[in-house]
Amino acid sequence: MPDSLTIGELSVRSGVAPSALRYYERLGLIRADRTGGNQRRYARAELRRVAFIRISQQVGVSLDEIRAALDSLPEGRTPSPQDWAQLSASWRSRLDEKIRLLAELRDNLDGCIGCGCLSLQRCVLYNPGDALAGEGPGARLMLPRPADAPPAVTPG
């Protein structure tokens, strides 16, 4: 297999540990041929697939969704820039929501722990009397609210 990469070479070039590359291969995300000695050899095009996987994971796309995206390509080819544009567009609304949540967290983080009490049960500013406990677990003021939910208790 001329112009192919060993798992070590793919690891160095991609910045992904060999164990992760073997895992990606086991999931069917990347492919390797085998030598007569059963050593993996990766086509150079697998570098782009690994980059696609890493970028997708960085923005919160699950490996199952990545596999579905890669499986949607004709003949399992490596994503082209046009493929990436189409696939990323389908993930845009989820990314926009994550950005909104992160911005809100950034802007309100000091309000959550600024008093030093670190307790939403005792916080008289953001959750007096633990009023939000009835809405369920988690960061109730930060998480998206169902359309039929009553308004959250807010500071002030």
N, C-alpha and C. Protein backbone atom coordinates (compact mmCIF):
# COMPACT_ATOMS: atom_id res chain seq x y z
N MET A 1 0.84 -1.18 0.00
CA MET A 1 0.00 0.00 0.00
C MET A 1 0.88 1.25 0.00
N PRO A 2 1.20 1.71 -1.18
CA PRO A 2 2.04 2.91 -1.25
C PRO A 2 1.30 4.12 -0.69
N ASP A 3 2.08 5.01 -0.11
CA ASP A 3 1.55 6.27 0.41
C ASP A 3 0.52 6.09 1.52
N SER A 4 0.67 5.03 2.30
CA SER A 4 -0.24 4.82 3.43
C SER A 4 0.49 5.16 4.72
N LEU A 5 -0.28 5.27 5.80
CA LEU A 5 0.26 5.65 7.10
C LEU A 5 0.08 4.50 8.09
N THR A 6 1.07 4.32 8.94
CA THR A 6 0.90 3.39 10.05
C THR A 6 0.02 4.06 11.10
N ILE A 7 -0.40 3.30 12.07
CA ILE A 7 -1.22 3.89 13.13
C ILE A 7 -0.42 4.95 13.90
N GLY A 8 0.87 4.72 14.08
CA GLY A 8 1.71 5.70 14.76
C GLY A 8 1.83 6.98 13.97
N GLU A 9 2.01 6.85 12.66
CA GLU A 9 2.11 8.04 11.81
C GLU A 9 0.78 8.80 11.77
N LEU A 10 -0.33 8.08 11.67
CA LEU A 10 -1.63 8.74 11.69
C LEU A 10 -1.86 9.44 13.02
N SER A 11 -1.43 8.82 14.09
CA SER A 11 -1.56 9.41 15.42
C SER A 11 -0.79 10.73 15.51
N VAL A 12 0.45 10.70 15.07
CA VAL A 12 1.29 11.90 15.14
C VAL A 12 0.72 13.00 14.26
N ARG A 13 0.34 12.65 13.04
CA ARG A 13 -0.18 13.65 12.10
C ARG A 13 -1.52 14.22 12.53
N SER A 14 -2.37 13.40 13.17
CA SER A 14 -3.72 13.85 13.52
C SER A 14 -3.81 14.39 14.95
N GLY A 15 -2.85 14.03 15.80
CA GLY A 15 -2.92 14.44 17.20
C GLY A 15 -3.88 13.59 18.00
N VAL A 16 -4.25 12.43 17.48
CA VAL A 16 -5.19 11.53 18.15
C VAL A 16 -4.43 10.28 18.59
N ALA A 17 -4.66 9.87 19.81
CA ALA A 17 -3.97 8.70 20.37
C ALA A 17 -4.29 7.44 19.56
N PRO A 18 -3.33 6.53 19.44
CA PRO A 18 -3.59 5.28 18.72
C PRO A 18 -4.81 4.53 19.27
N SER A 19 -5.01 4.56 20.58
CA SER A 19 -6.17 3.87 21.16
C SER A 19 -7.47 4.47 20.63
N ALA A 20 -7.52 5.79 20.47
CA ALA A 20 -8.71 6.44 19.93
C ALA A 20 -8.89 6.09 18.46
N LEU A 21 -7.79 6.01 17.72
CA LEU A 21 -7.90 5.63 16.31
C LEU A 21 -8.44 4.21 16.17
N ARG A 22 -7.97 3.30 17.02
CA ARG A 22 -8.50 1.93 16.99
C ARG A 22 -9.98 1.93 17.34
N TYR A 23 -10.38 2.77 18.29
CA TYR A 23 -11.78 2.89 18.68
C TYR A 23 -12.61 3.43 17.51
N TYR A 24 -12.13 4.49 16.85
CA TYR A 24 -12.82 5.03 15.68
C TYR A 24 -12.98 3.96 14.60
N GLU A 25 -11.94 3.18 14.43
CA GLU A 25 -12.00 2.11 13.42
C GLU A 25 -13.04 1.06 13.82
N ARG A 26 -13.05 0.69 15.09
CA ARG A 26 -14.02 -0.30 15.58
C ARG A 26 -15.46 0.20 15.38
N LEU A 27 -15.67 1.53 15.51
CA LEU A 27 -16.98 2.12 15.31
C LEU A 27 -17.32 2.30 13.82
N GLY A 28 -16.35 2.08 12.95
CA GLY A 28 -16.59 2.26 11.52
C GLY A 28 -16.44 3.68 11.04
N LEU A 29 -15.82 4.53 11.85
CA LEU A 29 -15.64 5.93 11.47
C LEU A 29 -14.46 6.12 10.51
N ILE A 30 -13.44 5.30 10.67
CA ILE A 30 -12.29 5.31 9.78
C ILE A 30 -12.01 3.87 9.35
N ARG A 31 -11.22 3.74 8.30
CA ARG A 31 -10.91 2.41 7.77
C ARG A 31 -9.41 2.23 7.65
N ALA A 32 -8.99 1.00 7.83
CA ALA A 32 -7.59 0.65 7.64
C ALA A 32 -7.52 -0.64 6.85
N ASP A 33 -6.49 -0.73 6.03
CA ASP A 33 -6.18 -2.00 5.39
C ASP A 33 -5.19 -2.71 6.30
N ARG A 34 -4.97 -3.98 6.04
CA ARG A 34 -4.03 -4.76 6.85
C ARG A 34 -2.90 -5.29 5.96
N THR A 35 -1.71 -5.30 6.53
CA THR A 35 -0.57 -5.89 5.84
C THR A 35 -0.61 -7.39 6.05
N GLY A 36 0.31 -8.09 5.40
CA GLY A 36 0.42 -9.54 5.60
C GLY A 36 0.70 -9.89 7.05
N GLY A 37 1.34 -8.97 7.78
CA GLY A 37 1.62 -9.16 9.20
C GLY A 37 0.52 -8.62 10.10
N ASN A 38 -0.64 -8.29 9.51
CA ASN A 38 -1.82 -7.81 10.21
C ASN A 38 -1.63 -6.43 10.84
N GLN A 39 -0.72 -5.63 10.30
CA GLN A 39 -0.56 -4.26 10.79
C GLN A 39 -1.49 -3.33 10.02
N ARG A 40 -2.02 -2.35 10.73
CA ARG A 40 -2.93 -1.38 10.11
C ARG A 40 -2.16 -0.44 9.20
N ARG A 41 -2.78 -0.14 8.06
CA ARG A 41 -2.28 0.89 7.16
C ARG A 41 -3.47 1.75 6.74
N TYR A 42 -3.32 3.05 6.95
CA TYR A 42 -4.39 4.00 6.67
C TYR A 42 -4.06 4.80 5.42
N ALA A 43 -5.05 4.97 4.57
CA ALA A 43 -4.89 5.87 3.42
C ALA A 43 -4.75 7.29 3.97
N ARG A 44 -4.01 8.12 3.27
CA ARG A 44 -3.81 9.50 3.73
C ARG A 44 -5.13 10.25 3.87
N ALA A 45 -6.12 9.87 3.08
CA ALA A 45 -7.43 10.52 3.16
C ALA A 45 -8.07 10.34 4.54
N GLU A 46 -7.65 9.34 5.29
CA GLU A 46 -8.20 9.13 6.63
C GLU A 46 -7.84 10.28 7.56
N LEU A 47 -6.77 11.02 7.25
CA LEU A 47 -6.42 12.20 8.05
C LEU A 47 -7.57 13.20 8.06
N ARG A 48 -8.21 13.42 6.90
CA ARG A 48 -9.32 14.35 6.83
C ARG A 48 -10.52 13.82 7.61
N ARG A 49 -10.77 12.50 7.54
CA ARG A 49 -11.88 11.92 8.30
C ARG A 49 -11.63 12.10 9.81
N VAL A 50 -10.40 11.88 10.24
CA VAL A 50 -10.08 12.05 11.66
C VAL A 50 -10.25 13.51 12.06
N ALA A 51 -9.82 14.43 11.21
CA ALA A 51 -10.00 15.85 11.50
C ALA A 51 -11.49 16.18 11.59
N PHE A 52 -12.30 15.65 10.69
CA PHE A 52 -13.74 15.85 10.71
C PHE A 52 -14.33 15.34 12.03
N ILE A 53 -13.89 14.16 12.45
CA ILE A 53 -14.38 13.57 13.71
C ILE A 53 -14.02 14.48 14.88
N ARG A 54 -12.78 14.90 14.94
CA ARG A 54 -12.33 15.74 16.06
C ARG A 54 -13.06 17.08 16.10
N ILE A 55 -13.22 17.72 14.96
CA ILE A 55 -13.91 19.01 14.92
C ILE A 55 -15.36 18.83 15.34
N SER A 56 -15.99 17.80 14.82
CA SER A 56 -17.39 17.53 15.16
C SER A 56 -17.54 17.29 16.66
N GLN A 57 -16.63 16.51 17.24
CA GLN A 57 -16.70 16.26 18.68
C GLN A 57 -16.48 17.54 19.47
N GLN A 58 -15.59 18.39 18.99
CA GLN A 58 -15.30 19.65 19.71
C GLN A 58 -16.53 20.52 19.82
N VAL A 59 -17.43 20.44 18.85
CA VAL A 59 -18.63 21.26 18.90
C VAL A 59 -19.82 20.51 19.49
N GLY A 60 -19.55 19.32 20.05
CA GLY A 60 -20.58 18.61 20.80
C GLY A 60 -21.39 17.59 20.02
N VAL A 61 -20.95 17.22 18.84
CA VAL A 61 -21.65 16.22 18.06
C VAL A 61 -21.22 14.84 18.55
N SER A 62 -22.18 13.96 18.77
CA SER A 62 -21.88 12.62 19.29
C SER A 62 -21.26 11.75 18.21
N LEU A 63 -20.57 10.71 18.63
CA LEU A 63 -19.96 9.79 17.68
C LEU A 63 -21.02 9.09 16.83
N ASP A 64 -22.19 8.83 17.39
CA ASP A 64 -23.28 8.23 16.61
C ASP A 64 -23.71 9.17 15.48
N GLU A 65 -23.82 10.46 15.79
CA GLU A 65 -24.19 11.44 14.76
C GLU A 65 -23.09 11.58 13.73
N ILE A 66 -21.85 11.53 14.17
CA ILE A 66 -20.72 11.62 13.24
C ILE A 66 -20.74 10.42 12.31
N ARG A 67 -20.97 9.23 12.85
CA ARG A 67 -21.03 8.03 12.03
C ARG A 67 -22.15 8.15 11.00
N ALA A 68 -23.33 8.62 11.43
CA ALA A 68 -24.45 8.79 10.50
C ALA A 68 -24.08 9.78 9.39
N ALA A 69 -23.40 10.86 9.76
CA ALA A 69 -22.98 11.86 8.77
C ALA A 69 -22.01 11.24 7.78
N LEU A 70 -21.02 10.52 8.27
CA LEU A 70 -20.04 9.90 7.39
C LEU A 70 -20.68 8.81 6.52
N ASP A 71 -21.63 8.08 7.10
CA ASP A 71 -22.32 7.03 6.34
C ASP A 71 -23.20 7.62 5.24
N SER A 72 -23.59 8.89 5.39
CA SER A 72 -24.44 9.52 4.38
C SER A 72 -23.67 9.93 3.13
N LEU A 73 -22.37 9.90 3.21
CA LEU A 73 -21.55 10.29 2.06
C LEU A 73 -21.51 9.16 1.03
N PRO A 74 -21.50 9.50 -0.24
CA PRO A 74 -21.43 8.46 -1.27
C PRO A 74 -20.17 7.61 -1.11
N GLU A 75 -20.36 6.31 -1.15
CA GLU A 75 -19.27 5.34 -1.09
C GLU A 75 -18.32 5.58 0.08
N GLY A 76 -18.84 6.13 1.17
CA GLY A 76 -18.02 6.33 2.37
C GLY A 76 -16.84 7.24 2.16
N ARG A 77 -16.94 8.19 1.24
CA ARG A 77 -15.79 9.04 0.94
C ARG A 77 -15.50 10.01 2.09
N THR A 78 -14.36 10.60 2.04
CA THR A 78 -13.95 11.61 3.01
C THR A 78 -14.75 12.88 2.77
N PRO A 79 -15.20 13.55 3.84
CA PRO A 79 -15.99 14.78 3.66
C PRO A 79 -15.21 15.86 2.91
N SER A 80 -15.85 16.44 1.94
CA SER A 80 -15.29 17.58 1.21
C SER A 80 -15.73 18.85 1.93
N PRO A 81 -15.19 20.00 1.54
CA PRO A 81 -15.67 21.26 2.14
C PRO A 81 -17.18 21.45 1.94
N GLN A 82 -17.71 21.03 0.79
CA GLN A 82 -19.15 21.15 0.56
C GLN A 82 -19.92 20.23 1.49
N ASP A 83 -19.40 19.00 1.70
CA ASP A 83 -20.04 18.07 2.64
C ASP A 83 -20.07 18.66 4.03
N TRP A 84 -18.93 19.22 4.45
CA TRP A 84 -18.85 19.80 5.79
C TRP A 84 -19.87 20.93 5.94
N ALA A 85 -20.01 21.77 4.92
CA ALA A 85 -20.97 22.88 4.98
C ALA A 85 -22.38 22.34 5.15
N GLN A 86 -22.73 21.32 4.40
CA GLN A 86 -24.07 20.75 4.48
C GLN A 86 -24.31 20.09 5.84
N LEU A 87 -23.35 19.30 6.31
CA LEU A 87 -23.50 18.61 7.59
C LEU A 87 -23.53 19.59 8.75
N SER A 88 -22.65 20.59 8.71
CA SER A 88 -22.61 21.54 9.82
C SER A 88 -23.87 22.39 9.86
N ALA A 89 -24.49 22.64 8.72
CA ALA A 89 -25.74 23.40 8.70
C ALA A 89 -26.83 22.66 9.48
N SER A 90 -26.80 21.34 9.41
CA SER A 90 -27.82 20.56 10.13
C SER A 90 -27.59 20.61 11.64
N TRP A 91 -26.40 20.96 12.06
CA TRP A 91 -26.08 21.04 13.48
C TRP A 91 -26.15 22.48 13.99
N ARG A 92 -26.43 23.43 13.13
CA ARG A 92 -26.33 24.85 13.48
C ARG A 92 -27.22 25.27 14.64
N SER A 93 -28.49 24.86 14.65
CA SER A 93 -29.39 25.31 15.71
C SER A 93 -28.93 24.81 17.07
N ARG A 94 -28.42 23.57 17.12
CA ARG A 94 -27.93 23.06 18.39
C ARG A 94 -26.69 23.84 18.84
N LEU A 95 -25.82 24.17 17.91
CA LEU A 95 -24.63 24.95 18.26
C LEU A 95 -25.02 26.36 18.72
N ASP A 96 -26.01 26.95 18.05
CA ASP A 96 -26.48 28.27 18.47
C ASP A 96 -27.00 28.22 19.91
N GLU A 97 -27.73 27.17 20.26
CA GLU A 97 -28.25 27.03 21.62
C GLU A 97 -27.11 26.86 22.63
N LYS A 98 -26.09 26.08 22.27
CA LYS A 98 -24.93 25.93 23.16
C LYS A 98 -24.22 27.26 23.36
N ILE A 99 -24.07 28.02 22.29
CA ILE A 99 -23.43 29.33 22.39
C ILE A 99 -24.23 30.23 23.31
N ARG A 100 -25.56 30.22 23.16
CA ARG A 100 -26.42 31.03 24.01
C ARG A 100 -26.25 30.64 25.48
N LEU A 101 -26.25 29.34 25.75
CA LEU A 101 -26.09 28.88 27.13
C LEU A 101 -24.73 29.26 27.70
N LEU A 102 -23.68 29.11 26.90
CA LEU A 102 -22.34 29.47 27.38
C LEU A 102 -22.23 30.97 27.65
N ALA A 103 -22.81 31.78 26.77
CA ALA A 103 -22.77 33.23 26.98
C ALA A 103 -23.55 33.60 28.25
N GLU A 104 -24.69 32.97 28.44
CA GLU A 104 -25.47 33.24 29.65
C GLU A 104 -24.72 32.80 30.90
N LEU A 105 -24.09 31.65 30.83
CA LEU A 105 -23.29 31.17 31.96
C LEU A 105 -22.16 32.15 32.25
N ARG A 106 -21.45 32.57 31.20
CA ARG A 106 -20.36 33.52 31.38
C ARG A 106 -20.85 34.81 32.03
N ASP A 107 -21.97 35.31 31.55
CA ASP A 107 -22.48 36.59 32.03
C ASP A 107 -23.09 36.51 33.42
N ASN A 108 -23.51 35.33 33.84
CA ASN A 108 -24.20 35.20 35.14
C ASN A 108 -23.43 34.37 36.16
N LEU A 109 -22.26 33.90 35.80
CA LEU A 109 -21.52 33.03 36.70
C LEU A 109 -21.21 33.70 38.03
N ASP A 110 -20.85 34.97 38.01
CA ASP A 110 -20.54 35.65 39.27
C ASP A 110 -21.77 35.78 40.15
N GLY A 111 -22.96 35.84 39.55
CA GLY A 111 -24.18 35.90 40.34
C GLY A 111 -24.47 34.60 41.05
N CYS A 112 -24.04 33.49 40.48
CA CYS A 112 -24.30 32.18 41.10
C CYS A 112 -23.42 31.96 42.31
N ILE A 113 -22.16 32.34 42.22
CA ILE A 113 -21.24 32.02 43.31
C ILE A 113 -20.57 33.26 43.89
N GLY A 114 -20.98 34.44 43.43
CA GLY A 114 -20.34 35.66 43.87
C GLY A 114 -20.45 35.92 45.36
N CYS A 115 -21.54 35.45 45.99
CA CYS A 115 -21.71 35.71 47.42
C CYS A 115 -20.84 34.79 48.25
N GLY A 116 -20.37 33.69 47.67
CA GLY A 116 -19.51 32.77 48.39
C GLY A 116 -20.25 31.65 49.09
N CYS A 117 -21.59 31.69 49.11
CA CYS A 117 -22.31 30.64 49.86
C CYS A 117 -22.29 29.32 49.11
N LEU A 118 -22.19 29.34 47.79
CA LEU A 118 -22.18 28.15 46.95
C LEU A 118 -23.39 27.26 47.17
N SER A 119 -24.49 27.82 47.64
CA SER A 119 -25.68 27.03 47.92
C SER A 119 -26.90 27.69 47.32
N LEU A 120 -27.55 27.01 46.38
CA LEU A 120 -28.78 27.56 45.84
C LEU A 120 -29.92 27.46 46.85
N GLN A 121 -29.79 26.58 47.84
CA GLN A 121 -30.83 26.48 48.87
C GLN A 121 -30.82 27.70 49.77
N ARG A 122 -29.66 28.30 49.97
CA ARG A 122 -29.56 29.45 50.87
C ARG A 122 -29.44 30.77 50.14
N CYS A 123 -29.36 30.75 48.84
CA CYS A 123 -29.11 31.97 48.07
C CYS A 123 -30.36 32.84 48.06
N VAL A 124 -30.28 33.98 48.70
CA VAL A 124 -31.45 34.87 48.79
C VAL A 124 -31.61 35.72 47.54
N LEU A 125 -30.59 35.74 46.67
CA LEU A 125 -30.68 36.56 45.47
C LEU A 125 -31.30 35.80 44.29
N TYR A 126 -30.78 34.64 43.98
CA TYR A 126 -31.19 33.92 42.78
C TYR A 126 -32.21 32.82 43.02
N ASN A 127 -32.29 32.31 44.24
CA ASN A 127 -33.20 31.20 44.50
C ASN A 127 -33.68 31.25 45.95
N PRO A 128 -34.39 32.30 46.32
CA PRO A 128 -34.79 32.42 47.73
C PRO A 128 -35.68 31.25 48.14
N GLY A 129 -35.34 30.67 49.30
CA GLY A 129 -36.11 29.55 49.82
C GLY A 129 -36.09 28.32 48.94
N ASP A 130 -35.11 28.22 48.05
CA ASP A 130 -34.99 27.09 47.13
C ASP A 130 -36.26 26.92 46.30
N ALA A 131 -36.84 28.02 45.86
CA ALA A 131 -38.10 28.00 45.11
C ALA A 131 -38.02 27.21 43.81
N LEU A 132 -36.84 27.12 43.24
CA LEU A 132 -36.71 26.42 41.97
C LEU A 132 -36.62 24.90 42.11
N ALA A 133 -36.49 24.40 43.32
CA ALA A 133 -36.38 22.95 43.52
C ALA A 133 -37.59 22.21 42.97
N GLY A 134 -38.75 22.83 43.02
CA GLY A 134 -39.96 22.19 42.52
C GLY A 134 -39.97 22.00 41.01
N GLU A 135 -39.10 22.70 40.31
CA GLU A 135 -39.04 22.57 38.85
C GLU A 135 -38.16 21.41 38.42
N GLY A 136 -37.41 20.82 39.32
CA GLY A 136 -36.56 19.70 38.95
C GLY A 136 -35.10 20.00 39.22
N PRO A 137 -34.25 19.03 38.90
CA PRO A 137 -32.81 19.15 39.19
C PRO A 137 -32.10 20.05 38.18
N GLY A 138 -30.92 20.45 38.54
CA GLY A 138 -30.06 21.18 37.62
C GLY A 138 -30.18 22.68 37.75
N ALA A 139 -29.48 23.34 36.85
CA ALA A 139 -29.42 24.80 36.83
C ALA A 139 -30.68 25.34 36.16
N ARG A 140 -31.73 25.51 36.91
CA ARG A 140 -33.04 25.87 36.37
C ARG A 140 -33.07 27.23 35.68
N LEU A 141 -32.27 28.17 36.13
CA LEU A 141 -32.26 29.48 35.50
C LEU A 141 -31.46 29.49 34.20
N MET A 142 -30.63 28.49 33.99
CA MET A 142 -29.77 28.46 32.82
C MET A 142 -30.30 27.55 31.72
N LEU A 143 -30.97 26.46 32.09
CA LEU A 143 -31.42 25.49 31.11
C LEU A 143 -32.61 26.02 30.32
N PRO A 144 -32.75 25.58 29.07
CA PRO A 144 -33.92 26.02 28.30
C PRO A 144 -35.20 25.54 29.00
N ARG A 145 -36.22 26.37 28.98
CA ARG A 145 -37.47 26.06 29.66
C ARG A 145 -38.49 25.58 28.65
N PRO A 146 -39.26 24.53 29.02
CA PRO A 146 -40.34 24.11 28.13
C PRO A 146 -41.34 25.25 27.95
N ALA A 147 -42.01 25.27 26.82
CA ALA A 147 -42.94 26.35 26.51
C ALA A 147 -44.07 26.44 27.53
N ASP A 148 -44.46 25.31 28.11
CA ASP A 148 -45.59 25.31 29.06
C ASP A 148 -45.15 25.49 30.51
N ALA A 149 -43.87 25.73 30.76
CA ALA A 149 -43.37 25.88 32.13
C ALA A 149 -43.74 27.26 32.67
N PRO A 150 -44.02 27.34 33.98
CA PRO A 150 -44.26 28.66 34.55
C PRO A 150 -42.98 29.46 34.57
N PRO A 151 -43.07 30.77 34.66
CA PRO A 151 -41.86 31.59 34.69
C PRO A 151 -40.99 31.23 35.88
N ALA A 152 -39.68 31.26 35.67
CA ALA A 152 -38.74 30.96 36.75
C ALA A 152 -38.65 32.13 37.70
N VAL A 153 -38.28 31.83 38.92
CA VAL A 153 -37.99 32.88 39.89
C VAL A 153 -36.73 33.58 39.41
N THR A 154 -36.74 34.88 39.36
CA THR A 154 -35.57 35.61 38.89
C THR A 154 -35.10 36.57 39.97
N PRO A 155 -33.85 37.00 39.89
CA PRO A 155 -33.32 37.90 40.92
C PRO A 155 -34.07 39.22 40.91
N GLY A 156 -34.06 39.84 42.07
CA GLY A 156 -34.53 41.20 42.11
C GLY A 156 -35.75 41.37 42.89
